PDB file of N, CA and C in Angstrom:
ATOM      1  N   MET A   1     107.433  77.492  99.134  1.00  0.00           N
ATOM      2  CA  MET A   1     108.654  77.784  99.428  1.00  0.00           C
ATOM      3  C   MET A   1     109.584  78.366  98.230  1.00  0.00           C
ATOM      4  N   MET A   2     110.367  79.231  98.664  1.00  0.00           N
ATOM      5  CA  MET A   2     111.669  79.793  97.384  1.00  0.00           C
ATOM      6  C   MET A   2     112.689  79.630  97.948  1.00  0.00           C
ATOM      7  N   LYS A   3     113.647  79.161  96.958  1.00  0.00           N
ATOM      8  CA  LYS A   3     115.255  79.090  97.431  1.00  0.00           C
ATOM      9  C   LYS A   3     115.924  79.423  96.391  1.00  0.00           C
ATOM     10  N   VAL A   4     117.143  79.661  96.694  1.00  0.00           N
ATOM     11  CA  VAL A   4     118.104  79.975  95.941  1.00  0.00           C
ATOM     12  C   VAL A   4     119.530  79.475  96.469  1.00  0.00           C
ATOM     13  N   TRP A   5     120.216  79.014  95.500  1.00  0.00           N
ATOM     14  CA  TRP A   5     121.431  78.147  95.603  1.00  0.00           C
ATOM     15  C   TRP A   5     122.708  78.600  94.512  1.00  0.00           C
ATOM     16  N   THR A   6     123.990  78.173  94.824  1.00  0.00           N
ATOM     17  CA  THR A   6     124.890  78.262  93.665  1.00  0.00           C
ATOM     18  C   THR A   6     124.891  77.152  93.152  1.00  0.00           C
ATOM     19  N   PRO A   7     124.642  76.951  91.783  1.00  0.00           N
ATOM     20  CA  PRO A   7     124.338  75.391  91.087  1.00  0.00           C
ATOM     21  C   PRO A   7     125.983  74.594  90.656  1.00  0.00           C
ATOM     22  N   THR A   8     125.994  73.398  90.693  1.00  0.00           N
ATOM     23  CA  THR A   8     127.101  72.757  90.373  1.00  0.00           C
ATOM     24  C   THR A   8     127.135  73.191  88.749  1.00  0.00           C
ATOM     25  N   GLU A   9     128.551  72.462  88.395  1.00  0.00           N
ATOM     26  CA  GLU A   9     128.840  72.397  86.691  1.00  0.00           C
ATOM     27  C   GLU A   9     127.663  71.672  86.304  1.00  0.00           C
ATOM     28  N   ARG A  10     127.364  70.373  86.878  1.00  0.00           N
ATOM     29  CA  ARG A  10     126.470  69.456  86.264  1.00  0.00           C
ATOM     30  C   ARG A  10     125.171  70.267  86.183  1.00  0.00           C
ATOM     31  N   GLU A  11     124.765  70.871  87.269  1.00  0.00           N
ATOM     32  CA  GLU A  11     123.243  71.440  87.359  1.00  0.00           C
ATOM     33  C   GLU A  11     123.113  72.530  86.208  1.00  0.00           C
ATOM     34  N   ILE A  12     124.395  73.256  85.984  1.00  0.00           N
ATOM     35  CA  ILE A  12     124.075  74.481  85.113  1.00  0.00           C
ATOM     36  C   ILE A  12     124.384  73.684  83.482  1.00  0.00           C
ATOM     37  N   GLU A  13     124.971  72.428  83.337  1.00  0.00           N
ATOM     38  CA  GLU A  13     124.917  72.046  82.072  1.00  0.00           C
ATOM     39  C   GLU A  13     123.542  71.413  81.731  1.00  0.00           C
ATOM     40  N   ASN A  14     122.748  70.853  82.543  1.00  0.00           N
ATOM     41  CA  ASN A  14     121.386  70.372  82.425  1.00  0.00           C
ATOM     42  C   ASN A  14     120.487  71.271  81.997  1.00  0.00           C
ATOM     43  N   THR A  15     120.463  72.946  82.308  1.00  0.00           N
ATOM     44  CA  THR A  15     119.605  73.910  82.026  1.00  0.00           C
ATOM     45  C   THR A  15     119.634  74.027  80.379  1.00  0.00           C
ATOM     46  N   LYS A  16     120.977  73.684  79.715  1.00  0.00           N
ATOM     47  CA  LYS A  16     120.656  74.062  78.210  1.00  0.00           C
ATOM     48  C   LYS A  16     119.871  73.699  77.488  1.00  0.00           C
ATOM     49  N   ALA A  17     119.096  72.434  78.050  1.00  0.00           N
ATOM     50  CA  ALA A  17     118.021  72.030  77.090  1.00  0.00           C
ATOM     51  C   ALA A  17     116.554  72.887  77.673  1.00  0.00           C
ATOM     52  N   TRP A  18     116.550  73.539  78.691  1.00  0.00           N
ATOM     53  CA  TRP A  18     115.435  74.451  79.273  1.00  0.00           C
ATOM     54  C   TRP A  18     115.099  75.487  78.213  1.00  0.00           C
ATOM     55  N   GLY A  19     113.927  75.992  78.805  1.00  0.00           N
ATOM     56  CA  GLY A  19     113.357  77.046  77.980  1.00  0.00           C
ATOM     57  C   GLY A  19     113.908  78.237  78.401  1.00  0.00           C
ATOM     58  N   ASN A  20     113.904  79.679  77.475  1.00  0.00           N
ATOM     59  CA  ASN A  20     114.619  80.715  77.728  1.00  0.00           C
ATOM     60  C   ASN A  20     113.578  81.921  78.052  1.00  0.00           C
ATOM     61  N   TRP A  21     113.834  82.921  79.113  1.00  0.00           N
ATOM     62  CA  TRP A  21     112.974  83.953  79.256  1.00  0.00           C
ATOM     63  C   TRP A  21     113.513  85.118  79.580  1.00  0.00           C
ATOM     64  N   SER A  22     113.307  86.274  79.209  1.00  0.00           N
ATOM     65  CA  SER A  22     113.731  87.308  79.462  1.00  0.00           C
ATOM     66  C   SER A  22     112.721  88.514  80.048  1.00  0.00           C
ATOM     67  N   LYS A  23     113.176  89.550  80.969  1.00  0.00           N
ATOM     68  CA  LYS A  23     112.030  90.589  81.420  1.00  0.00           C
ATOM     69  C   LYS A  23     113.070  91.725  81.567  1.00  0.00           C
ATOM     70  N   GLU A  24     112.532  92.874  81.264  1.00  0.00           N
ATOM     71  CA  GLU A  24     113.153  94.351  81.664  1.00  0.00           C
ATOM     72  C   GLU A  24     112.817  94.506  82.918  1.00  0.00           C
ATOM     73  N   VAL A  25     113.295  95.552  83.500  1.00  0.00           N
ATOM     74  CA  VAL A  25     113.068  95.957  84.972  1.00  0.00           C
ATOM     75  C   VAL A  25     111.762  96.561  84.999  1.00  0.00           C
ATOM     76  N   SER A  26     111.033  95.596  85.897  1.00  0.00           N
ATOM     77  CA  SER A  26     109.597  96.054  86.151  1.00  0.00           C
ATOM     78  C   SER A  26     109.325  95.132  87.860  1.00  0.00           C
ATOM     79  N   GLU A  27     108.053  95.541  88.122  1.00  0.00           N
ATOM     80  CA  GLU A  27     107.430  94.664  89.336  1.00  0.00           C
ATOM     81  C   GLU A  27     105.813  94.153  88.655  1.00  0.00           C
ATOM     82  N   PHE A  28     105.789  92.841  89.058  1.00  0.00           N
ATOM     83  CA  PHE A  28     104.566  92.396  88.912  1.00  0.00           C
ATOM     84  C   PHE A  28     104.116  91.254  89.915  1.00  0.00           C
ATOM     85  N   PRO A  29     103.028  90.916  89.917  1.00  0.00           N
ATOM     86  CA  PRO A  29     102.329  89.615  90.391  1.00  0.00           C
ATOM     87  C   PRO A  29     102.553  88.506  89.567  1.00  0.00           C
ATOM     88  N   TRP A  30     102.937  87.386  90.398  1.00  0.00           N
ATOM     89  CA  TRP A  30     103.003  86.004  89.680  1.00  0.00           C
ATOM     90  C   TRP A  30     102.305  84.933  90.519  1.00  0.00           C
ATOM     91  N   PHE A  31     101.804  83.672  89.922  1.00  0.00           N
ATOM     92  CA  PHE A  31     101.207  82.728  90.604  1.00  0.00           C
ATOM     93  C   PHE A  31     101.891  81.315  89.919  1.00  0.00           C
ATOM     94  N   TYR A  32     102.425  80.600  90.517  1.00  0.00           N
ATOM     95  CA  TYR A  32     103.108  79.374  90.074  1.00  0.00           C
ATOM     96  C   TYR A  32     102.218  78.063  90.315  1.00  0.00           C
ATOM     97  N   ASP A  33     101.501  77.721  89.114  1.00  0.00           N
ATOM     98  CA  ASP A  33     100.728  76.584  89.040  1.00  0.00           C
ATOM     99  C   ASP A  33     101.244  75.257  88.870  1.00  0.00           C
ATOM    100  N   ASP A  34     102.822  75.394  88.818  1.00  0.00           N
ATOM    101  CA  ASP A  34     103.677  74.087  88.786  1.00  0.00           C
ATOM    102  C   ASP A  34     104.953  74.482  89.511  1.00  0.00           C
ATOM    103  N   GLN A  35     105.875  73.892  89.914  1.00  0.00           N
ATOM    104  CA  GLN A  35     106.885  74.116  90.414  1.00  0.00           C
ATOM    105  C   GLN A  35     107.820  74.406  89.203  1.00  0.00           C
ATOM    106  N   GLU A  36     108.697  75.491  89.549  1.00  0.00           N
ATOM    107  CA  GLU A  36     109.674  75.986  88.471  1.00  0.00           C
ATOM    108  C   GLU A  36     111.117  76.124  89.208  1.00  0.00           C
ATOM    109  N   THR A  37     111.833  75.659  88.287  1.00  0.00           N
ATOM    110  CA  THR A  37     113.205  75.591  88.662  1.00  0.00           C
ATOM    111  C   THR A  37     113.936  76.461  87.489  1.00  0.00           C
ATOM    112  N   CYS A  38     115.007  77.595  87.749  1.00  0.00           N
ATOM    113  CA  CYS A  38     115.545  78.568  86.999  1.00  0.00           C
ATOM    114  C   CYS A  38     116.910  78.886  87.117  1.00  0.00           C
ATOM    115  N   PHE A  39     117.603  79.048  86.184  1.00  0.00           N
ATOM    116  CA  PHE A  39     119.073  79.286  86.216  1.00  0.00           C
ATOM    117  C   PHE A  39     119.032  80.883  85.559  1.00  0.00           C
ATOM    118  N   ILE A  40     119.762  81.758  86.524  1.00  0.00           N
ATOM    119  CA  ILE A  40     119.682  83.163  86.104  1.00  0.00           C
ATOM    120  C   ILE A  40     121.000  83.485  85.343  1.00  0.00           C
ATOM    121  N   LEU A  41     121.068  83.757  84.003  1.00  0.00           N
ATOM    122  CA  LEU A  41     121.886  83.838  83.216  1.00  0.00           C
ATOM    123  C   LEU A  41     122.671  85.363  83.323  1.00  0.00           C
ATOM    124  N   GLU A  42     121.633  86.455  83.458  1.00  0.00           N
ATOM    125  CA  GLU A  42     121.722  88.038  83.393  1.00  0.00           C
ATOM    126  C   GLU A  42     120.907  88.617  84.440  1.00  0.00           C
ATOM    127  N   GLY A  43     121.277  89.582  85.183  1.00  0.00           N
ATOM    128  CA  GLY A  43     120.435  90.531  85.735  1.00  0.00           C
ATOM    129  C   GLY A  43     120.080  90.291  87.447  1.00  0.00           C
ATOM    130  N   GLU A  44     119.393  90.715  87.954  1.00  0.00           N
ATOM    131  CA  GLU A  44     119.242  90.676  89.413  1.00  0.00           C
ATOM    132  C   GLU A  44     117.734  90.736  89.498  1.00  0.00           C
ATOM    133  N   ALA A  45     117.107  90.224  90.899  1.00  0.00           N
ATOM    134  CA  ALA A  45     115.655  90.255  91.237  1.00  0.00           C
ATOM    135  C   ALA A  45     115.420  90.034  92.426  1.00  0.00           C
ATOM    136  N   GLU A  46     114.263  90.168  92.913  1.00  0.00           N
ATOM    137  CA  GLU A  46     113.869  89.814  94.262  1.00  0.00           C
ATOM    138  C   GLU A  46     112.535  89.588  93.994  1.00  0.00           C
ATOM    139  N   VAL A  47     111.995  88.686  94.767  1.00  0.00           N
ATOM    140  CA  VAL A  47     110.468  87.685  94.812  1.00  0.00           C
ATOM    141  C   VAL A  47     110.107  87.775  96.317  1.00  0.00           C
ATOM    142  N   SER A  48     109.025  88.189  96.421  1.00  0.00           N
ATOM    143  CA  SER A  48     108.330  88.484  97.641  1.00  0.00           C
ATOM    144  C   SER A  48     107.253  87.304  97.800  1.00  0.00           C
ATOM    145  N   ASP A  49     107.006  86.671  99.069  1.00  0.00           N
ATOM    146  CA  ASP A  49     105.808  86.048  98.886  1.00  0.00           C
ATOM    147  C   ASP A  49     104.504  86.525  99.802  1.00  0.00           C
ATOM    148  N   GLU A  50     103.264  85.843  99.674  1.00  0.00           N
ATOM    149  CA  GLU A  50     102.102  86.489 100.419  1.00  0.00           C
ATOM    150  C   GLU A  50     102.566  86.257 102.020  1.00  0.00           C
ATOM    151  N   LYS A  51     103.666  85.785 102.484  1.00  0.00           N
ATOM    152  CA  LYS A  51     103.937  85.929 103.931  1.00  0.00           C
ATOM    153  C   LYS A  51     104.693  86.975 104.247  1.00  0.00           C
ATOM    154  N   GLY A  52     105.400  87.661 103.169  1.00  0.00           N
ATOM    155  CA  GLY A  52     106.371  88.631 103.440  1.00  0.00           C
ATOM    156  C   GLY A  52     107.957  88.098 103.397  1.00  0.00           C
ATOM    157  N   ASN A  53     107.992  86.841 102.984  1.00  0.00           N
ATOM    158  CA  ASN A  53     109.326  86.196 102.796  1.00  0.00           C
ATOM    159  C   ASN A  53     110.046  86.755 101.514  1.00  0.00           C
ATOM    160  N   ILE A  54     111.158  86.859 101.435  1.00  0.00           N
ATOM    161  CA  ILE A  54     111.928  87.748 100.162  1.00  0.00           C
ATOM    162  C   ILE A  54     113.340  87.055 100.039  1.00  0.00           C
ATOM    163  N   ILE A  55     113.543  86.745  98.687  1.00  0.00           N
ATOM    164  CA  ILE A  55     114.625  86.171  98.357  1.00  0.00           C
ATOM    165  C   ILE A  55     115.313  87.078  97.032  1.00  0.00           C
ATOM    166  N   ARG A  56     116.393  87.228  96.978  1.00  0.00           N
ATOM    167  CA  ARG A  56     117.155  87.862  96.288  1.00  0.00           C
ATOM    168  C   ARG A  56     118.028  87.143  95.337  1.00  0.00           C
ATOM    169  N   PHE A  57     117.948  87.329  93.996  1.00  0.00           N
ATOM    170  CA  PHE A  57     119.059  86.649  93.234  1.00  0.00           C
ATOM    171  C   PHE A  57     119.616  87.191  92.100  1.00  0.00           C
ATOM    172  N   LYS A  58     120.581  86.699  91.666  1.00  0.00           N
ATOM    173  CA  LYS A  58     121.515  87.336  90.426  1.00  0.00           C
ATOM    174  C   LYS A  58     122.059  86.358  89.459  1.00  0.00           C
ATOM    175  N   ALA A  59     122.697  86.962  88.599  1.00  0.00           N
ATOM    176  CA  ALA A  59     123.313  86.085  87.578  1.00  0.00           C
ATOM    177  C   ALA A  59     124.101  84.850  88.170  1.00  0.00           C
ATOM    178  N   GLY A  60     124.114  83.802  87.687  1.00  0.00           N
ATOM    179  CA  GLY A  60     125.056  82.666  88.193  1.00  0.00           C
ATOM    180  C   GLY A  60     124.233  81.878  89.580  1.00  0.00           C
ATOM    181  N   ASP A  61     123.038  82.492  89.848  1.00  0.00           N
ATOM    182  CA  ASP A  61     122.171  81.759  90.795  1.00  0.00           C
ATOM    183  C   ASP A  61     121.129  80.617  90.072  1.00  0.00           C
ATOM    184  N   MET A  62     120.503  79.651  90.915  1.00  0.00           N
ATOM    185  CA  MET A  62     119.592  78.657  90.661  1.00  0.00           C
ATOM    186  C   MET A  62     118.556  79.157  91.777  1.00  0.00           C
ATOM    187  N   VAL A  63     117.358  78.916  91.174  1.00  0.00           N
ATOM    188  CA  VAL A  63     116.493  79.550  91.759  1.00  0.00           C
ATOM    189  C   VAL A  63     115.194  78.505  91.794  1.00  0.00           C
ATOM    190  N   GLN A  64     114.265  78.219  92.799  1.00  0.00           N
ATOM    191  CA  GLN A  64     113.421  77.223  92.781  1.00  0.00           C
ATOM    192  C   GLN A  64     111.949  77.760  93.514  1.00  0.00           C
ATOM    193  N   PHE A  65     110.946  77.733  92.854  1.00  0.00           N
ATOM    194  CA  PHE A  65     109.694  78.220  93.320  1.00  0.00           C
ATOM    195  C   PHE A  65     108.630  76.870  93.253  1.00  0.00           C
ATOM    196  N   GLU A  66     108.135  77.097  94.354  1.00  0.00           N
ATOM    197  CA  GLU A  66     106.999  75.899  94.667  1.00  0.00           C
ATOM    198  C   GLU A  66     105.562  76.033  93.980  1.00  0.00           C
ATOM    199  N   GLU A  67     104.982  75.022  93.660  1.00  0.00           N
ATOM    200  CA  GLU A  67     103.716  74.925  93.058  1.00  0.00           C
ATOM    201  C   GLU A  67     102.889  75.664  94.020  1.00  0.00           C
ATOM    202  N   GLY A  68     101.976  76.500  93.559  1.00  0.00           N
ATOM    203  CA  GLY A  68     100.971  77.129  94.424  1.00  0.00           C
ATOM    204  C   GLY A  68     101.467  78.352  94.971  1.00  0.00           C
ATOM    205  N   LEU A  69     102.573  78.886  94.917  1.00  0.00           N
ATOM    206  CA  LEU A  69     103.381  79.990  95.216  1.00  0.00           C
ATOM    207  C   LEU A  69     102.532  81.128  94.549  1.00  0.00           C
ATOM    208  N   GLU A  70     102.214  82.299  95.451  1.00  0.00           N
ATOM    209  CA  GLU A  70     101.618  83.642  95.061  1.00  0.00           C
ATOM    210  C   GLU A  70     102.831  84.627  95.463  1.00  0.00           C
ATOM    211  N   CYS A  71     103.276  85.294  94.469  1.00  0.00           N
ATOM    212  CA  CYS A  71     104.297  86.246  94.763  1.00  0.00           C
ATOM    213  C   CYS A  71     104.137  87.404  94.049  1.00  0.00           C
ATOM    214  N   VAL A  72     105.336  88.212  94.138  1.00  0.00           N
ATOM    215  CA  VAL A  72     105.555  89.399  93.532  1.00  0.00           C
ATOM    216  C   VAL A  72     106.939  89.575  92.907  1.00  0.00           C
ATOM    217  N   TRP A  73     107.250  89.567  91.739  1.00  0.00           N
ATOM    218  CA  TRP A  73     108.612  89.788  91.384  1.00  0.00           C
ATOM    219  C   TRP A  73     108.967  91.368  91.151  1.00  0.00           C
ATOM    220  N   LYS A  74     110.083  91.470  91.662  1.00  0.00           N
ATOM    221  CA  LYS A  74     110.624  93.083  91.202  1.00  0.00           C
ATOM    222  C   LYS A  74     112.051  92.825  90.659  1.00  0.00           C
ATOM    223  N   ILE A  75     111.935  93.085  89.434  1.00  0.00           N
ATOM    224  CA  ILE A  75     113.375  93.075  88.577  1.00  0.00           C
ATOM    225  C   ILE A  75     114.130  94.156  88.606  1.00  0.00           C
ATOM    226  N   THR A  76     115.209  94.458  89.512  1.00  0.00           N
ATOM    227  CA  THR A  76     115.981  95.797  89.482  1.00  0.00           C
ATOM    228  C   THR A  76     117.029  95.786  88.389  1.00  0.00           C
ATOM    229  N   ARG A  77     117.459  94.882  87.668  1.00  0.00           N
ATOM    230  CA  ARG A  77     118.491  94.726  86.407  1.00  0.00           C
ATOM    231  C   ARG A  77     117.728  93.597  85.527  1.00  0.00           C
ATOM    232  N   ALA A  78     117.606  93.973  84.273  1.00  0.00           N
ATOM    233  CA  ALA A  78     117.075  93.212  83.227  1.00  0.00           C
ATOM    234  C   ALA A  78     117.540  91.686  83.219  1.00  0.00           C
ATOM    235  N   VAL A  79     116.616  90.559  83.346  1.00  0.00           N
ATOM    236  CA  VAL A  79     116.793  89.219  83.617  1.00  0.00           C
ATOM    237  C   VAL A  79     116.532  88.329  82.579  1.00  0.00           C
ATOM    238  N   LYS A  80     117.712  87.371  82.289  1.00  0.00           N
ATOM    239  CA  LYS A  80     117.547  86.157  81.344  1.00  0.00           C
ATOM    240  C   LYS A  80     117.493  85.164  82.283  1.00  0.00           C
ATOM    241  N   LYS A  81     116.936  84.210  81.872  1.00  0.00           N
ATOM    242  CA  LYS A  81     116.847  82.901  82.796  1.00  0.00           C
ATOM    243  C   LYS A  81     116.583  81.749  81.814  1.00  0.00           C
ATOM    244  N   ARG A  82     117.063  80.696  82.313  1.00  0.00           N
ATOM    245  CA  ARG A  82     116.789  79.485  81.577  1.00  0.00           C
ATOM    246  C   ARG A  82     115.646  78.602  82.715  1.00  0.00           C
ATOM    247  N   TYR A  83     114.608  77.998  82.389  1.00  0.00           N
ATOM    248  CA  TYR A  83     113.620  77.530  83.618  1.00  0.00           C
ATOM    249  C   TYR A  83     113.329  76.199  82.624  1.00  0.00           C
ATOM    250  N   ILE A  84     112.609  75.371  83.832  1.00  0.00           N
ATOM    251  CA  ILE A  84     111.668  74.405  83.446  1.00  0.00           C
ATOM    252  C   ILE A  84     110.606  74.212  84.681  1.00  0.00           C
ATOM    253  N   PHE A  85     109.589  73.866  84.394  1.00  0.00           N
ATOM    254  CA  PHE A  85     108.592  73.445  85.223  1.00  0.00           C
ATOM    255  C   PHE A  85     108.341  71.933  85.476  1.00  0.00           C
ATOM    256  N   GLY A  86     107.748  71.585  86.572  1.00  0.00           N
ATOM    257  CA  GLY A  86     107.732  70.239  86.996  1.00  0.00           C
ATOM    258  C   GLY A  86     109.051  69.920  87.824  1.00  0.00           C
ATOM    259  N   GLU A  87     109.211  68.561  88.089  1.00  0.00           N
ATOM    260  CA  GLU A  87     110.528  68.034  88.851  1.00  0.00           C
ATOM    261  C   GLU A  87     111.823  68.242  88.064  1.00  0.00           C
ATOM    262  N   GLY A  88     111.817  68.711  86.799  1.00  0.00           N
ATOM    263  CA  GLY A  88     113.028  68.788  86.367  1.00  0.00           C
ATOM    264  C   GLY A  88     113.868  67.923  85.992  1.00  0.00           C
TER     265      GLY A  88
END
């Protein structure tokens, strides 16, 4: 499962203690061995799973990927995000 939503101010505040990650425009496969929740600070991307489901997200979005997800990231504008693994 992958989901995208507009976070509340409180959710955004909570991300300030999370890790940071950035990546240039690129496409790559990924596997999640734990649930990840991330807040997108900059950029745009789409992620497709093995069933053909696609989500698209951009700066300001909160995104969650389930444990065990096998997917392909396609970054269309360089991404900067805050992230946390597990239940967060």
